[in-house]
Amino acid sequence: MHGLGNDYVYVNCYEESIEAPALVAKAISDRHFGIGADGLILIQPSEKADCRMVMYNADGSRGAMCGNGIRCVGKYVYENGQVQTARMNIETDSGIRRLFCRTRNGKVNLVDVEMGIPVVEKREVLKAGDRSFSFTPVNVGNPHAVLFYTDVESLDLADLGPLLERHDRFPDRTNVEFAQVLDAQNIRLRVWERGTGETMACGTGACAACAAAISMGLVKRKVVMHLTGGCLDITWANPGGPMVMTGPAAEVFRGEISLKDFLKS
């Protein structure tokens, strides 16, 4: 399944669990020798909410929250009957998130997610070698460093991404957003995800970049985020209230795999 090309392998863990999920995530995410994905997401029962999602990045590290991933989880549990209502609560490592699944002909095509209240810190200047970077730290359940440029298309994220993700300023590493304000209601965004690299889209990254831009007075409180894989609508109507992300969720295919045999190969 994917949200704007940010694809994960989703496993229904209502009936069976996965041993060594970090190892499985790394192997299964390989685009040449595995299934190919930005990571692995386990869908589990929850005692606190309608269901629980546990996410692993492509390098096997555990992630606290995934905005595109949670929309796909909502679509999956609604269409497969684990959750009977379009409004639901999903437990994550960053807390419980509220969702509303919009349907068309019985299928979920868009999902609204209350992403919590972003924590936007003061801008900082980070030095790496002979280069300096001005960025805004933002936490939306996971850490982000947001940088603004006049032209993000020309940036070499393969160079900048790892440099910033693994900088000493971020002991647990960070996600990095490269944002270009197009006008008061539109932002172009490229994302370097912690533990994965550049991705087609990142829901939490879109929220972080939008929150930083709003806090700096660069945009209005309802913004269209233009990611490489498509667009997300982000609304932060009240600074003391949750940010709402709206975007699509799509299923690509289903299959079965013998993890025991796969991990041996």
C-alpha atoms as a PDB file:
ATOM      1  CA  MET A   1       0.000   0.000   0.000  1.00  0.00           C
ATOM      2  CA  HIS A   2       1.110   3.570  -0.484  1.00  0.00           C
ATOM      3  CA  GLY A   3       0.226   7.174   0.225  1.00  0.00           C
ATOM      4  CA  LEU A   4       1.488   9.357  -2.641  1.00  0.00           C
ATOM      5  CA  GLY A   5       4.171   6.816  -3.479  1.00  0.00           C
ATOM      6  CA  ASN A   6       5.420   6.503   0.115  1.00  0.00           C
ATOM      7  CA  ASP A   7       5.048   2.726   0.121  1.00  0.00           C
ATOM      8  CA  TYR A   8       5.161   0.177   2.917  1.00  0.00           C
ATOM      9  CA  VAL A   9       4.541  -3.518   3.261  1.00  0.00           C
ATOM     10  CA  TYR A  10       1.575  -3.941   5.623  1.00  0.00           C
ATOM     11  CA  VAL A  11       1.120  -7.107   7.659  1.00  0.00           C
ATOM     12  CA  ASN A  12      -2.143  -8.087   9.357  1.00  0.00           C
ATOM     13  CA  CYS A  13      -1.027  -9.205  12.821  1.00  0.00           C
ATOM     14  CA  TYR A  14      -4.515  -9.910  14.145  1.00  0.00           C
ATOM     15  CA  GLU A  15      -4.008 -13.610  13.527  1.00  0.00           C
ATOM     16  CA  GLU A  16      -0.243 -14.054  13.707  1.00  0.00           C
ATOM     17  CA  SER A  17       2.804 -12.108  14.830  1.00  0.00           C
ATOM     18  CA  ILE A  18       6.192 -11.559  13.216  1.00  0.00           C
ATOM     19  CA  GLU A  19       9.416 -12.477  14.958  1.00  0.00           C
ATOM     20  CA  ALA A  20      12.425 -10.167  14.544  1.00  0.00           C
ATOM     21  CA  PRO A  21      10.424  -7.447  12.727  1.00  0.00           C
ATOM     22  CA  ALA A  22      13.459  -5.159  12.403  1.00  0.00           C
ATOM     23  CA  LEU A  23      15.308  -7.855  10.463  1.00  0.00           C
ATOM     24  CA  VAL A  24      12.232  -8.565   8.358  1.00  0.00           C
ATOM     25  CA  ALA A  25      11.752  -4.859   7.602  1.00  0.00           C
ATOM     26  CA  LYS A  26      15.298  -4.445   6.335  1.00  0.00           C
ATOM     27  CA  ALA A  27      15.151  -7.555   4.153  1.00  0.00           C
ATOM     28  CA  ILE A  28      11.665  -7.073   2.774  1.00  0.00           C
ATOM     29  CA  SER A  29      12.185  -3.369   1.966  1.00  0.00           C
ATOM     30  CA  ASP A  30      15.130  -4.029  -0.353  1.00  0.00           C
ATOM     31  CA  ARG A  31      13.979  -3.009  -3.843  1.00  0.00           C
ATOM     32  CA  HIS A  32      16.303  -5.460  -5.582  1.00  0.00           C
ATOM     33  CA  PHE A  33      16.310  -8.535  -3.346  1.00  0.00           C
ATOM     34  CA  GLY A  34      13.086  -8.043  -1.371  1.00  0.00           C
ATOM     35  CA  ILE A  35       9.549  -6.894  -2.094  1.00  0.00           C
ATOM     36  CA  GLY A  36      10.666  -3.269  -2.178  1.00  0.00           C
ATOM     37  CA  ALA A  37       9.291  -0.581   0.139  1.00  0.00           C
ATOM     38  CA  ASP A  38      10.102   2.389   2.338  1.00  0.00           C
ATOM     39  CA  GLY A  39       9.551   0.139   5.342  1.00  0.00           C
ATOM     40  CA  LEU A  40       7.277  -2.302   7.158  1.00  0.00           C
ATOM     41  CA  ILE A  41       4.079  -1.559   9.081  1.00  0.00           C
ATOM     42  CA  LEU A  42       2.429  -4.078  11.393  1.00  0.00           C
ATOM     43  CA  ILE A  43      -1.328  -3.784  12.000  1.00  0.00           C
ATOM     44  CA  GLN A  44      -2.154  -5.107  15.465  1.00  0.00           C
ATOM     45  CA  PRO A  45      -5.067  -5.231  17.916  1.00  0.00           C
ATOM     46  CA  SER A  46      -5.036  -2.509  20.571  1.00  0.00           C
ATOM     47  CA  GLU A  47      -6.353  -2.293  24.114  1.00  0.00           C
ATOM     48  CA  LYS A  48      -6.394   1.512  23.928  1.00  0.00           C
ATOM     49  CA  ALA A  49      -7.785   2.209  20.455  1.00  0.00           C
ATOM     50  CA  ASP A  50      -9.489   0.543  17.484  1.00  0.00           C
ATOM     51  CA  CYS A  51      -6.151  -0.857  16.302  1.00  0.00           C
ATOM     52  CA  ARG A  52      -2.409  -0.308  16.599  1.00  0.00           C
ATOM     53  CA  MET A  53       0.267   0.373  13.995  1.00  0.00           C
ATOM     54  CA  VAL A  54       3.953  -0.394  14.516  1.00  0.00           C
ATOM     55  CA  MET A  55       6.340   1.004  11.929  1.00  0.00           C
ATOM     56  CA  TYR A  56       9.866   0.078  10.862  1.00  0.00           C
ATOM     57  CA  ASN A  57      12.025   2.036   8.436  1.00  0.00           C
ATOM     58  CA  ALA A  58      13.808   0.442   5.498  1.00  0.00           C
ATOM     59  CA  ASP A  59      17.029   0.139   7.516  1.00  0.00           C
ATOM     60  CA  GLY A  60      15.233  -1.800  10.255  1.00  0.00           C
ATOM     61  CA  SER A  61      15.056   1.070  12.734  1.00  0.00           C
ATOM     62  CA  ARG A  62      11.740   1.643  14.470  1.00  0.00           C
ATOM     63  CA  GLY A  63       9.752   4.759  13.665  1.00  0.00           C
ATOM     64  CA  ALA A  64       7.329   6.436  16.040  1.00  0.00           C
ATOM     65  CA  MET A  65       4.798   7.693  13.510  1.00  0.00           C
ATOM     66  CA  CYS A  66       4.098   7.727   9.768  1.00  0.00           C
ATOM     67  CA  GLY A  67       1.486  10.074   8.328  1.00  0.00           C
ATOM     68  CA  ASN A  68       1.123   8.325   4.981  1.00  0.00           C
ATOM     69  CA  GLY A  69       1.254   4.959   6.701  1.00  0.00           C
ATOM     70  CA  ILE A  70      -1.540   5.686   9.153  1.00  0.00           C
ATOM     71  CA  ARG A  71      -3.887   6.639   6.309  1.00  0.00           C
ATOM     72  CA  CYS A  72      -3.225   3.267   4.698  1.00  0.00           C
ATOM     73  CA  VAL A  73      -3.801   1.486   8.007  1.00  0.00           C
ATOM     74  CA  GLY A  74      -7.149   3.250   8.308  1.00  0.00           C
ATOM     75  CA  LYS A  75      -8.096   2.155   4.800  1.00  0.00           C
ATOM     76  CA  TYR A  76      -7.038  -1.434   5.474  1.00  0.00           C
ATOM     77  CA  VAL A  77      -8.858  -1.981   8.769  1.00  0.00           C
ATOM     78  CA  TYR A  78     -12.034  -0.307   7.486  1.00  0.00           C
ATOM     79  CA  GLU A  79     -12.220  -2.198   4.206  1.00  0.00           C
ATOM     80  CA  ASN A  80     -11.280  -5.519   5.803  1.00  0.00           C
ATOM     81  CA  GLY A  81     -13.712  -5.278   8.707  1.00  0.00           C
ATOM     82  CA  GLN A  82     -11.373  -4.963  11.675  1.00  0.00           C
ATOM     83  CA  VAL A  83     -12.986  -1.566  12.320  1.00  0.00           C
ATOM     84  CA  GLN A  84     -16.644  -1.068  11.438  1.00  0.00           C
ATOM     85  CA  THR A  85     -16.867   2.727  11.485  1.00  0.00           C
ATOM     86  CA  ALA A  86     -15.321   5.413   9.271  1.00  0.00           C
ATOM     87  CA  ARG A  87     -14.254   7.329  12.371  1.00  0.00           C
ATOM     88  CA  MET A  88     -11.565   5.517  14.314  1.00  0.00           C
ATOM     89  CA  ASN A  89      -8.672   5.847  16.718  1.00  0.00           C
ATOM     90  CA  ILE A  90      -5.309   4.279  15.895  1.00  0.00           C
ATOM     91  CA  GLU A  91      -2.592   3.725  18.484  1.00  0.00           C
ATOM     92  CA  THR A  92       0.963   4.638  17.470  1.00  0.00           C
ATOM     93  CA  ASP A  93       4.259   4.961  19.322  1.00  0.00           C
ATOM     94  CA  SER A  94       3.537   8.712  19.344  1.00  0.00           C
ATOM     95  CA  GLY A  95       0.111   8.304  20.916  1.00  0.00           C
ATOM     96  CA  ILE A  96      -3.418   7.817  19.627  1.00  0.00           C
ATOM     97  CA  ARG A  97      -4.451   9.528  16.390  1.00  0.00           C
ATOM     98  CA  ARG A  98      -8.050  10.144  15.273  1.00  0.00           C
ATOM     99  CA  LEU A  99      -9.001   9.363  11.676  1.00  0.00           C
ATOM    100  CA  PHE A 100     -11.968   9.784   9.391  1.00  0.00           C
ATOM    101  CA  CYS A 101     -12.092   7.632   6.270  1.00  0.00           C
ATOM    102  CA  ARG A 102     -13.899   9.156   3.293  1.00  0.00           C
ATOM    103  CA  THR A 103     -15.403   6.505   1.073  1.00  0.00           C
ATOM    104  CA  ARG A 104     -16.561   6.228  -2.516  1.00  0.00           C
ATOM    105  CA  ASN A 105     -18.502   3.153  -3.640  1.00  0.00           C
ATOM    106  CA  GLY A 106     -17.572   1.387  -0.417  1.00  0.00           C
ATOM    107  CA  LYS A 107     -13.833   2.007  -0.796  1.00  0.00           C
ATOM    108  CA  VAL A 108     -11.705   4.485   1.143  1.00  0.00           C
ATOM    109  CA  ASN A 109     -10.191   7.091  -1.174  1.00  0.00           C
ATOM    110  CA  LEU A 110      -9.236   9.888   1.242  1.00  0.00           C
ATOM    111  CA  VAL A 111      -8.397   9.926   4.936  1.00  0.00           C
ATOM    112  CA  ASP A 112      -8.388  12.834   7.402  1.00  0.00           C
ATOM    113  CA  VAL A 113      -5.923  12.425  10.268  1.00  0.00           C
ATOM    114  CA  GLU A 114      -5.614  14.544  13.394  1.00  0.00           C
ATOM    115  CA  MET A 115      -1.828  14.663  13.677  1.00  0.00           C
ATOM    116  CA  GLY A 116      -1.592  16.280  17.107  1.00  0.00           C
ATOM    117  CA  ILE A 117      -0.224  19.711  18.001  1.00  0.00           C
ATOM    118  CA  PRO A 118       3.136  20.426  16.347  1.00  0.00           C
ATOM    119  CA  VAL A 119       5.946  21.617  18.595  1.00  0.00           C
ATOM    120  CA  VAL A 120       7.868  24.286  16.682  1.00  0.00           C
ATOM    121  CA  GLU A 121      11.162  25.429  18.190  1.00  0.00           C
ATOM    122  CA  LYS A 122      13.289  28.484  17.447  1.00  0.00           C
ATOM    123  CA  ARG A 123      15.361  28.526  14.289  1.00  0.00           C
ATOM    124  CA  GLU A 124      18.937  27.357  14.653  1.00  0.00           C
ATOM    125  CA  VAL A 125      22.087  27.438  12.584  1.00  0.00           C
ATOM    126  CA  LEU A 126      23.846  24.128  12.121  1.00  0.00           C
ATOM    127  CA  LYS A 127      27.423  23.879  10.905  1.00  0.00           C
ATOM    128  CA  ALA A 128      28.738  20.914   8.942  1.00  0.00           C
ATOM    129  CA  GLY A 129      32.309  21.319   7.772  1.00  0.00           C
ATOM    130  CA  ASP A 130      32.547  24.622   5.941  1.00  0.00           C
ATOM    131  CA  ARG A 131      28.783  24.809   5.381  1.00  0.00           C
ATOM    132  CA  SER A 132      26.068  26.384   7.526  1.00  0.00           C
ATOM    133  CA  PHE A 133      22.362  25.510   7.490  1.00  0.00           C
ATOM    134  CA  SER A 134      19.512  27.514   9.008  1.00  0.00           C
ATOM    135  CA  PHE A 135      16.698  25.194  10.080  1.00  0.00           C
ATOM    136  CA  THR A 136      13.602  24.997  12.258  1.00  0.00           C
ATOM    137  CA  PRO A 137      13.238  21.991  14.593  1.00  0.00           C
ATOM    138  CA  VAL A 138       9.684  20.627  14.638  1.00  0.00           C
ATOM    139  CA  ASN A 139       8.229  17.626  16.440  1.00  0.00           C
ATOM    140  CA  VAL A 140       4.977  16.075  15.228  1.00  0.00           C
ATOM    141  CA  GLY A 141       5.381  12.805  17.104  1.00  0.00           C
ATOM    142  CA  ASN A 142       8.785  12.321  15.471  1.00  0.00           C
ATOM    143  CA  PRO A 143      11.675  14.771  14.919  1.00  0.00           C
ATOM    144  CA  HIS A 144      12.084  16.988  11.869  1.00  0.00           C
ATOM    145  CA  ALA A 145      14.498  19.658  10.696  1.00  0.00           C
ATOM    146  CA  VAL A 146      12.858  22.048   8.220  1.00  0.00           C
ATOM    147  CA  LEU A 147      14.975  24.103   5.821  1.00  0.00           C
ATOM    148  CA  PHE A 148      13.634  26.708   3.376  1.00  0.00           C
ATOM    149  CA  TYR A 149      15.047  27.300  -0.105  1.00  0.00           C
ATOM    150  CA  THR A 150      14.058  29.325  -3.162  1.00  0.00           C
ATOM    151  CA  ASP A 151      14.498  26.282  -5.433  1.00  0.00           C
ATOM    152  CA  VAL A 152      14.380  22.776  -3.957  1.00  0.00           C
ATOM    153  CA  GLU A 153      14.513  21.011  -7.327  1.00  0.00           C
ATOM    154  CA  SER A 154      18.199  21.827  -7.761  1.00  0.00           C
ATOM    155  CA  LEU A 155      19.235  20.409  -4.381  1.00  0.00           C
ATOM    156  CA  ASP A 156      21.311  17.238  -4.121  1.00  0.00           C
ATOM    157  CA  LEU A 157      19.476  15.394  -1.356  1.00  0.00           C
ATOM    158  CA  ALA A 158      21.820  12.420  -1.616  1.00  0.00           C
ATOM    159  CA  ASP A 159      24.490  14.803  -0.301  1.00  0.00           C
ATOM    160  CA  LEU A 160      22.479  17.003   2.063  1.00  0.00           C
ATOM    161  CA  GLY A 161      20.140  14.361   3.476  1.00  0.00           C
ATOM    162  CA  PRO A 162      22.664  12.076   5.224  1.00  0.00           C
ATOM    163  CA  LEU A 163      24.761  15.070   6.303  1.00  0.00           C
ATOM    164  CA  LEU A 164      21.850  16.566   8.235  1.00  0.00           C
ATOM    165  CA  GLU A 165      20.091  13.360   9.312  1.00  0.00           C
ATOM    166  CA  ARG A 166      23.197  12.074  11.086  1.00  0.00           C
ATOM    167  CA  HIS A 167      24.575  15.375  12.382  1.00  0.00           C
ATOM    168  CA  ASP A 168      25.710  15.419  16.016  1.00  0.00           C
ATOM    169  CA  ARG A 169      22.907  17.903  16.748  1.00  0.00           C
ATOM    170  CA  PHE A 170      20.484  14.978  16.388  1.00  0.00           C
ATOM    171  CA  PRO A 171      21.673  12.062  18.579  1.00  0.00           C
ATOM    172  CA  ASP A 172      18.710   9.920  17.463  1.00  0.00           C
ATOM    173  CA  ARG A 173      18.949  11.217  13.880  1.00  0.00           C
ATOM    174  CA  THR A 174      16.214  13.304  12.281  1.00  0.00           C
ATOM    175  CA  ASN A 175      13.932  13.585   9.276  1.00  0.00           C
ATOM    176  CA  VAL A 176      14.853  16.506   7.032  1.00  0.00           C
ATOM    177  CA  GLU A 177      12.476  18.668   4.986  1.00  0.00           C
ATOM    178  CA  PHE A 178      13.550  20.910   2.118  1.00  0.00           C
ATOM    179  CA  ALA A 179      10.720  23.398   1.566  1.00  0.00           C
ATOM    180  CA  GLN A 180      10.010  26.049  -1.051  1.00  0.00           C
ATOM    181  CA  VAL A 181       7.128  28.451  -0.409  1.00  0.00           C
ATOM    182  CA  LEU A 182       5.287  28.952  -3.706  1.00  0.00           C
ATOM    183  CA  ASP A 183       2.670  31.342  -2.324  1.00  0.00           C
ATOM    184  CA  ALA A 184       0.578  31.816   0.826  1.00  0.00           C
ATOM    185  CA  GLN A 185      -1.293  28.549   0.282  1.00  0.00           C
ATOM    186  CA  ASN A 186       1.188  26.285  -1.509  1.00  0.00           C
ATOM    187  CA  ILE A 187       4.532  24.737  -0.562  1.00  0.00           C
ATOM    188  CA  ARG A 188       6.779  22.483  -2.651  1.00  0.00           C
ATOM    189  CA  LEU A 189       8.466  19.898  -0.449  1.00  0.00           C
ATOM    190  CA  ARG A 190      11.163  17.278  -0.769  1.00  0.00           C
ATOM    191  CA  VAL A 191      11.813  14.941   2.147  1.00  0.00           C
ATOM    192  CA  TRP A 192      14.758  12.937   3.414  1.00  0.00           C
ATOM    193  CA  GLU A 193      13.341  10.361   5.836  1.00  0.00           C
ATOM    194  CA  ARG A 194      15.349   9.101   8.760  1.00  0.00           C
ATOM    195  CA  GLY A 195      16.361   5.506   8.157  1.00  0.00           C
ATOM    196  CA  THR A 196      15.073   5.422   4.573  1.00  0.00           C
ATOM    197  CA  GLY A 197      16.398   8.303   2.442  1.00  0.00           C
ATOM    198  CA  GLU A 198      14.514  10.496  -0.003  1.00  0.00           C
ATOM    199  CA  THR A 199      10.912   9.376  -0.397  1.00  0.00           C
ATOM    200  CA  MET A 200       8.076  10.328  -2.722  1.00  0.00           C
ATOM    201  CA  ALA A 201       6.130  11.795   0.198  1.00  0.00           C
ATOM    202  CA  CYS A 202       6.098  12.064   3.979  1.00  0.00           C
ATOM    203  CA  GLY A 203       2.953  12.937   5.910  1.00  0.00           C
ATOM    204  CA  THR A 204       4.645  13.957   9.149  1.00  0.00           C
ATOM    205  CA  GLY A 205       7.237  15.866   7.123  1.00  0.00           C
ATOM    206  CA  ALA A 206       4.498  17.778   5.320  1.00  0.00           C
ATOM    207  CA  CYS A 207       2.956  18.686   8.676  1.00  0.00           C
ATOM    208  CA  ALA A 208       6.320  19.739  10.104  1.00  0.00           C
ATOM    209  CA  ALA A 209       7.167  21.952   7.126  1.00  0.00           C
ATOM    210  CA  CYS A 210       3.700  23.497   7.143  1.00  0.00           C
ATOM    211  CA  ALA A 211       3.915  24.187  10.893  1.00  0.00           C
ATOM    212  CA  ALA A 212       7.305  25.861  10.481  1.00  0.00           C
ATOM    213  CA  ALA A 213       6.052  28.013   7.595  1.00  0.00           C
ATOM    214  CA  ILE A 214       2.932  29.053   9.520  1.00  0.00           C
ATOM    215  CA  SER A 215       5.001  29.924  12.593  1.00  0.00           C
ATOM    216  CA  MET A 216       7.259  32.099  10.438  1.00  0.00           C
ATOM    217  CA  GLY A 217       4.269  33.891   8.890  1.00  0.00           C
ATOM    218  CA  LEU A 218       5.061  32.616   5.403  1.00  0.00           C
ATOM    219  CA  VAL A 219       1.722  30.922   4.669  1.00  0.00           C
ATOM    220  CA  LYS A 220      -1.904  30.787   5.751  1.00  0.00           C
ATOM    221  CA  ARG A 221      -3.320  28.110   8.037  1.00  0.00           C
ATOM    222  CA  LYS A 222      -4.599  25.916   5.214  1.00  0.00           C
ATOM    223  CA  VAL A 223      -1.887  24.815   2.803  1.00  0.00           C
ATOM    224  CA  VAL A 224      -1.475  22.422  -0.106  1.00  0.00           C
ATOM    225  CA  MET A 225       1.823  20.566   0.209  1.00  0.00           C
ATOM    226  CA  HIS A 226       3.232  19.581  -3.191  1.00  0.00           C
ATOM    227  CA  LEU A 227       5.354  16.486  -2.664  1.00  0.00           C
ATOM    228  CA  THR A 228       7.091  14.469  -5.347  1.00  0.00           C
ATOM    229  CA  GLY A 229       4.357  11.817  -5.238  1.00  0.00           C
ATOM    230  CA  GLY A 230       1.393  14.191  -5.119  1.00  0.00           C
ATOM    231  CA  CYS A 231      -0.412  16.636  -2.835  1.00  0.00           C
ATOM    232  CA  LEU A 232      -1.531  16.669   0.784  1.00  0.00           C
ATOM    233  CA  ASP A 233      -3.937  19.187   2.305  1.00  0.00           C
ATOM    234  CA  ILE A 234      -2.737  20.421   5.693  1.00  0.00           C
ATOM    235  CA  THR A 235      -4.879  22.558   8.001  1.00  0.00           C
ATOM    236  CA  TRP A 236      -3.852  24.044  11.344  1.00  0.00           C
ATOM    237  CA  ALA A 237      -6.879  26.166  12.165  1.00  0.00           C
ATOM    238  CA  ASN A 238      -6.025  26.779  15.817  1.00  0.00           C
ATOM    239  CA  PRO A 239      -2.467  26.973  17.223  1.00  0.00           C
ATOM    240  CA  GLY A 240      -3.698  25.203  20.358  1.00  0.00           C
ATOM    241  CA  GLY A 241      -5.451  22.477  18.405  1.00  0.00           C
ATOM    242  CA  PRO A 242      -4.361  19.524  16.297  1.00  0.00           C
ATOM    243  CA  MET A 243      -3.084  19.818  12.755  1.00  0.00           C
ATOM    244  CA  VAL A 244      -5.216  17.902  10.241  1.00  0.00           C
ATOM    245  CA  MET A 245      -3.746  16.103   7.249  1.00  0.00           C
ATOM    246  CA  THR A 246      -5.926  14.937   4.344  1.00  0.00           C
ATOM    247  CA  GLY A 247      -4.644  12.646   1.630  1.00  0.00           C
ATOM    248  CA  PRO A 248      -5.168   9.438  -0.353  1.00  0.00           C
ATOM    249  CA  ALA A 249      -4.388   5.835   0.490  1.00  0.00           C
ATOM    250  CA  ALA A 250      -4.028   3.106  -2.119  1.00  0.00           C
ATOM    251  CA  GLU A 251      -3.624  -0.659  -2.162  1.00  0.00           C
ATOM    252  CA  VAL A 252      -1.257  -1.985  -4.831  1.00  0.00           C
ATOM    253  CA  PHE A 253      -1.335  -5.754  -4.330  1.00  0.00           C
ATOM    254  CA  ARG A 254      -1.677  -8.565  -1.794  1.00  0.00           C
ATOM    255  CA  GLY A 255       0.446 -11.643  -1.424  1.00  0.00           C
ATOM    256  CA  GLU A 256       1.948 -14.241   0.859  1.00  0.00           C
ATOM    257  CA  ILE A 257       5.585 -14.850   1.671  1.00  0.00           C
ATOM    258  CA  SER A 258       7.405 -17.485   3.705  1.00  0.00           C
ATOM    259  CA  LEU A 259       9.598 -15.353   5.931  1.00  0.00           C
ATOM    260  CA  LYS A 260      11.564 -18.371   7.107  1.00  0.00           C
ATOM    261  CA  ASP A 261      12.594 -19.262   3.560  1.00  0.00           C
ATOM    262  CA  PHE A 262      12.972 -15.633   2.494  1.00  0.00           C
ATOM    263  CA  LEU A 263      15.346 -14.713   5.310  1.00  0.00           C
ATOM    264  CA  LYS A 264      17.483 -17.766   4.534  1.00  0.00           C
ATOM    265  CA  SER A 265      18.024 -16.684   0.928  1.00  0.00           C
END
